[in-house]
Amino acid sequence: FLLNTMRVQATWRPADRVEAVLELEAEQLVQSGTADGLLRDAYVGLTAFSWLEVRAGQFKRPFSRIELLPRRRLTTIDRGLVNGWAVNRLGYGDRDVGVALSGRLWDDARLDYAVGVFNGSGAGLLEGGADGFKDFSVRLDARPVCWLSMGLSFSLDTFEDGDLPYLVDPAIFANVDPVEYPDGYTEADFRAEHSWMVGTSWMSEADVAVHVAGLRLLAEAELGQNWWFEGRPLTAGVTLLASYEFELSD
């Protein structure tokens, strides 16, 4: 048997406008007895107005509707191949350490925004974060009618020389200081071989969801740069999700 997901979450609300959240991913402890990736969310949020909430700590970047859906609300056991590639492997989404602003811009259209700046060195450990450059994410959500909602997201990631070991092989380099290279292969050789990864890359996302009676349809598309290859060629993907819920008996 395999335990796919096991989360433990604590929420503290010392005041009406203040919230602190701590979420742990406990399945690794149960499956393998290790604490790798144990910390998921750890943040404090302050709601000043309906149009302004400030959140600081480690949490999900505002990118991709499917990624932002909690696992307990997913109708499938995973988020799909495109999410695993664009959000997790290329690092344009997922959890990170940073500060974000969010809130309601327009009540009639239920138009919400979220914008954040991040270290790039959160739970995914795609970056070392030592050079001080930041990553950015922004998202707009609208629900003009009860059965239709739409969203747009955009992310910018900046990789530096110090990030290259994490990007190429985090399992080997992430916890080694100084980095050990094979005989005859120097740090200069390593950086020259992977120099195209250094710089800023972008990824965009658009989604639309329809909910009519028990039928739910969701389409999400990503288009952006693949920093794994020289020249940063475009990469794209589409995820389609459909479900139907009905009542067996009252």
Protein backbone atom coordinates (compact mmCIF):
# COMPACT_ATOMS: atom_id res chain seq x y z
CA PHE A 1 0.00 0.00 0.00
CA LEU A 2 1.10 3.57 -0.69
CA LEU A 3 0.15 6.67 1.28
CA ASN A 4 0.00 9.38 -1.39
CA THR A 5 -0.82 12.40 0.75
CA MET A 6 -0.97 13.09 4.46
CA ARG A 7 -1.04 16.69 5.64
CA VAL A 8 -1.14 18.13 9.14
CA GLN A 9 -2.19 21.77 9.40
CA ALA A 10 -2.47 24.19 12.31
CA THR A 11 -4.18 27.58 11.95
CA TRP A 12 -4.06 30.35 14.54
CA ARG A 13 -6.28 33.46 14.40
CA PRO A 14 -5.36 35.69 17.34
CA ALA A 15 -7.45 38.52 15.87
CA ASP A 16 -10.09 39.01 13.17
CA ARG A 17 -7.61 40.24 10.58
CA VAL A 18 -4.58 38.09 11.49
CA GLU A 19 -3.96 34.47 10.56
CA ALA A 20 -0.94 32.20 11.00
CA VAL A 21 -0.73 28.84 9.18
CA LEU A 22 1.65 25.91 9.58
CA GLU A 23 1.25 22.86 7.32
CA LEU A 24 3.43 19.75 7.34
CA GLU A 25 3.66 16.96 4.74
CA ALA A 26 3.66 13.87 6.88
CA GLU A 27 3.61 11.11 4.26
CA GLN A 28 7.42 11.00 4.02
CA LEU A 29 7.64 10.34 7.75
CA VAL A 30 5.21 7.46 7.44
CA GLN A 31 6.53 5.99 4.17
CA SER A 32 10.29 6.28 4.64
CA GLY A 33 10.88 7.66 8.12
CA THR A 34 12.60 10.79 6.76
CA ALA A 35 11.69 14.44 7.22
CA ASP A 36 12.57 15.52 3.65
CA GLY A 37 10.12 18.14 2.42
CA LEU A 38 8.32 18.14 5.78
CA LEU A 39 7.53 21.86 5.80
CA ARG A 40 4.83 22.93 3.34
CA ASP A 41 3.18 26.19 4.43
CA ALA A 42 4.48 28.50 7.14
CA TYR A 43 3.16 32.04 6.85
CA VAL A 44 1.41 34.93 8.57
CA GLY A 45 -1.38 36.87 6.83
CA LEU A 46 -2.73 40.31 7.72
CA THR A 47 -5.97 41.56 6.12
CA ALA A 48 -5.99 45.35 6.24
CA PHE A 49 -8.90 45.93 3.80
CA SER A 50 -11.00 43.85 1.41
CA TRP A 51 -8.59 44.94 -1.34
CA LEU A 52 -5.39 44.34 0.62
CA GLU A 53 -4.09 41.24 2.39
CA VAL A 54 -0.37 40.92 3.15
CA ARG A 55 1.12 37.43 3.45
CA ALA A 56 4.72 36.64 4.43
CA GLY A 57 6.52 33.31 4.83
CA GLN A 58 6.53 30.11 2.75
CA PHE A 59 3.41 29.49 0.66
CA LYS A 60 2.31 28.84 -2.91
CA ARG A 61 3.15 31.47 -5.49
CA PRO A 62 0.04 32.91 -7.21
CA PHE A 63 0.40 30.90 -10.42
CA SER A 64 -1.89 28.27 -12.04
CA ARG A 65 -5.44 27.52 -10.90
CA ILE A 66 -4.78 23.79 -10.73
CA GLU A 67 -1.67 24.30 -8.61
CA LEU A 68 -3.52 26.59 -6.21
CA LEU A 69 -6.30 24.02 -5.67
CA PRO A 70 -5.67 22.18 -2.37
CA ARG A 71 -5.28 18.44 -2.79
CA ARG A 72 -8.41 17.84 -0.72
CA ARG A 73 -10.41 19.69 -3.41
CA LEU A 74 -8.84 17.93 -6.42
CA THR A 75 -11.11 15.50 -8.25
CA THR A 76 -8.04 13.55 -9.44
CA ILE A 77 -5.15 12.06 -7.46
CA ASP A 78 -2.60 14.36 -9.12
CA ARG A 79 -2.43 17.64 -11.02
CA GLY A 80 -1.19 16.26 -14.34
CA LEU A 81 1.92 16.28 -16.53
CA VAL A 82 1.82 19.95 -17.52
CA ASN A 83 1.66 21.04 -13.91
CA GLY A 84 4.56 18.76 -13.01
CA TRP A 85 6.63 20.25 -15.83
CA ALA A 86 5.84 23.97 -15.94
CA VAL A 87 5.07 24.56 -12.27
CA ASN A 88 7.33 22.12 -10.44
CA ARG A 89 10.25 21.11 -12.69
CA LEU A 90 10.76 24.53 -14.27
CA GLY A 91 9.94 26.20 -10.96
CA TYR A 92 7.46 28.85 -12.09
CA GLY A 93 5.06 28.01 -9.27
CA ASP A 94 4.88 25.79 -6.18
CA ARG A 95 5.86 26.94 -2.68
CA ASP A 96 8.47 29.61 -2.11
CA VAL A 97 9.64 32.05 0.53
CA GLY A 98 8.41 35.59 -0.01
CA VAL A 99 5.83 38.32 0.46
CA ALA A 100 2.53 38.68 -1.46
CA LEU A 101 -0.30 41.19 -1.68
CA SER A 102 -3.83 40.13 -2.63
CA GLY A 103 -7.42 41.31 -2.47
CA ARG A 104 -10.67 42.17 -4.27
CA LEU A 105 -10.46 44.81 -7.02
CA TRP A 106 -14.05 44.79 -8.33
CA ASP A 107 -17.01 43.35 -6.42
CA ASP A 108 -19.48 43.06 -9.32
CA ALA A 109 -17.14 40.89 -11.41
CA ARG A 110 -15.57 39.30 -8.32
CA LEU A 111 -12.19 40.33 -9.69
CA ASP A 112 -9.31 39.37 -7.37
CA TYR A 113 -5.59 39.94 -7.68
CA ALA A 114 -2.43 38.51 -6.13
CA VAL A 115 1.16 39.66 -6.67
CA GLY A 116 4.26 38.42 -4.89
CA VAL A 117 8.05 38.59 -4.77
CA PHE A 118 9.98 35.47 -3.76
CA ASN A 119 13.50 34.23 -3.06
CA GLY A 120 13.25 31.27 -5.43
CA SER A 121 14.64 29.00 -2.72
CA GLY A 122 11.48 27.59 -1.19
CA ALA A 123 10.28 24.01 -0.86
CA GLY A 124 11.32 23.10 -4.41
CA LEU A 125 14.98 24.08 -3.82
CA LEU A 126 15.47 24.96 -7.48
CA GLU A 127 17.62 27.91 -6.44
CA GLY A 128 20.18 28.63 -3.79
CA GLY A 129 18.90 32.16 -3.26
CA ALA A 130 22.37 33.37 -2.23
CA ASP A 131 22.77 36.05 -4.91
CA GLY A 132 19.80 38.11 -3.79
CA PHE A 133 17.83 38.12 -7.05
CA LYS A 134 14.06 37.70 -6.67
CA ASP A 135 11.31 35.91 -8.58
CA PHE A 136 7.90 37.44 -9.29
CA SER A 137 4.39 36.06 -9.76
CA VAL A 138 1.08 37.79 -10.44
CA ARG A 139 -2.45 36.43 -10.89
CA LEU A 140 -5.91 37.79 -11.73
CA ASP A 141 -9.14 35.87 -11.06
CA ALA A 142 -12.64 36.84 -12.17
CA ARG A 143 -16.07 35.25 -11.70
CA PRO A 144 -18.51 37.49 -13.58
CA VAL A 145 -21.37 34.96 -13.30
CA CYS A 146 -21.92 32.12 -10.86
CA TRP A 147 -21.19 29.36 -13.41
CA LEU A 148 -18.07 30.86 -15.03
CA SER A 149 -14.66 31.81 -13.67
CA MET A 150 -11.45 32.81 -15.45
CA GLY A 151 -7.85 33.41 -14.49
CA LEU A 152 -4.53 34.73 -15.80
CA SER A 153 -1.09 34.18 -14.26
CA PHE A 154 2.45 35.27 -15.06
CA SER A 155 5.79 34.35 -13.46
CA LEU A 156 9.37 35.59 -13.83
CA ASP A 157 12.27 33.48 -12.55
CA THR A 158 15.88 34.66 -12.39
CA PHE A 159 18.71 32.15 -12.06
CA GLU A 160 22.26 33.14 -11.10
CA ASP A 161 25.66 31.46 -11.24
CA GLY A 162 25.25 30.32 -7.66
CA ASP A 163 22.05 28.47 -8.58
CA LEU A 164 23.59 26.22 -11.24
CA PRO A 165 24.46 23.30 -8.93
CA TYR A 166 20.89 23.26 -7.60
CA LEU A 167 19.42 23.39 -11.10
CA VAL A 168 21.59 20.68 -12.63
CA ASP A 169 21.63 18.09 -9.85
CA PRO A 170 20.15 19.19 -6.51
CA ALA A 171 20.42 15.68 -5.06
CA ILE A 172 24.23 15.83 -5.37
CA PHE A 173 25.07 19.49 -4.88
CA ALA A 174 22.41 20.98 -2.61
CA ASN A 175 23.97 19.87 0.68
CA VAL A 176 27.65 19.90 -0.33
CA ASP A 177 29.81 22.91 0.51
CA PRO A 178 32.19 23.35 -1.18
CA VAL A 179 30.91 21.57 -4.27
CA GLU A 180 33.06 18.59 -5.28
CA TYR A 181 33.75 18.13 -9.01
CA PRO A 182 35.20 15.06 -10.77
CA ASP A 183 38.96 14.95 -11.43
CA GLY A 184 39.94 17.08 -14.41
CA TYR A 185 36.62 18.91 -14.37
CA THR A 186 36.71 22.33 -12.75
CA GLU A 187 34.04 24.73 -11.53
CA ALA A 188 34.82 26.94 -14.57
CA ASP A 189 34.10 23.97 -16.86
CA PHE A 190 30.82 23.34 -15.07
CA ARG A 191 29.65 26.95 -15.34
CA ALA A 192 30.67 27.23 -18.99
CA GLU A 193 28.78 24.05 -19.86
CA HIS A 194 25.55 25.27 -18.24
CA SER A 195 25.86 29.04 -18.73
CA TRP A 196 22.65 29.30 -20.80
CA MET A 197 20.59 28.62 -17.67
CA VAL A 198 21.68 31.90 -16.07
CA GLY A 199 19.25 34.76 -16.63
CA THR A 200 15.53 35.54 -16.46
CA SER A 201 12.79 33.31 -17.89
CA TRP A 202 9.01 33.72 -18.00
CA MET A 203 5.89 31.58 -18.01
CA SER A 204 2.27 32.63 -18.64
CA GLU A 205 -0.95 30.79 -17.82
CA ALA A 206 -4.66 31.14 -18.65
CA ASP A 207 -7.57 29.11 -17.35
CA VAL A 208 -11.34 28.96 -17.56
CA ALA A 209 -13.77 26.92 -15.45
CA VAL A 210 -17.46 26.18 -16.05
CA HIS A 211 -19.80 24.77 -13.41
CA VAL A 212 -23.32 23.88 -14.58
CA ALA A 213 -25.46 21.74 -12.28
CA GLY A 214 -23.19 18.82 -11.36
CA LEU A 215 -20.85 19.24 -14.35
CA ARG A 216 -17.46 20.90 -13.83
CA LEU A 217 -15.12 21.65 -16.73
CA LEU A 218 -11.67 23.20 -16.34
CA ALA A 219 -9.15 24.08 -19.05
CA GLU A 220 -5.70 25.48 -18.27
CA ALA A 221 -2.89 26.37 -20.68
CA GLU A 222 0.75 27.36 -20.06
CA LEU A 223 3.16 29.03 -22.46
CA GLY A 224 6.67 30.18 -21.58
CA GLN A 225 10.41 29.66 -21.76
CA ASN A 226 12.23 26.39 -21.11
CA TRP A 227 15.50 27.39 -19.45
CA TRP A 228 16.76 23.79 -19.61
CA PHE A 229 17.81 24.34 -23.24
CA GLU A 230 20.14 26.86 -24.83
CA GLY A 231 18.25 29.75 -26.37
CA ARG A 232 15.34 29.26 -23.94
CA PRO A 233 12.87 27.82 -26.50
CA LEU A 234 9.15 28.10 -25.87
CA THR A 235 7.35 25.28 -24.13
CA ALA A 236 3.58 24.88 -23.89
CA GLY A 237 0.97 22.55 -22.49
CA VAL A 238 -2.76 22.21 -21.89
CA THR A 239 -4.62 20.44 -19.09
CA LEU A 240 -8.31 19.52 -19.37
CA LEU A 241 -10.28 18.36 -16.35
CA ALA A 242 -13.91 17.24 -16.31
CA SER A 243 -16.03 15.84 -13.51
CA TYR A 244 -19.69 15.21 -12.79
CA GLU A 245 -21.25 15.05 -9.35
CA PHE A 246 -24.69 13.63 -8.71
CA GLU A 247 -26.75 12.63 -5.69
CA LEU A 248 -27.46 8.94 -5.28
CA SER A 249 -30.08 9.42 -2.60
CA ASP A 250 -31.40 12.04 -0.22
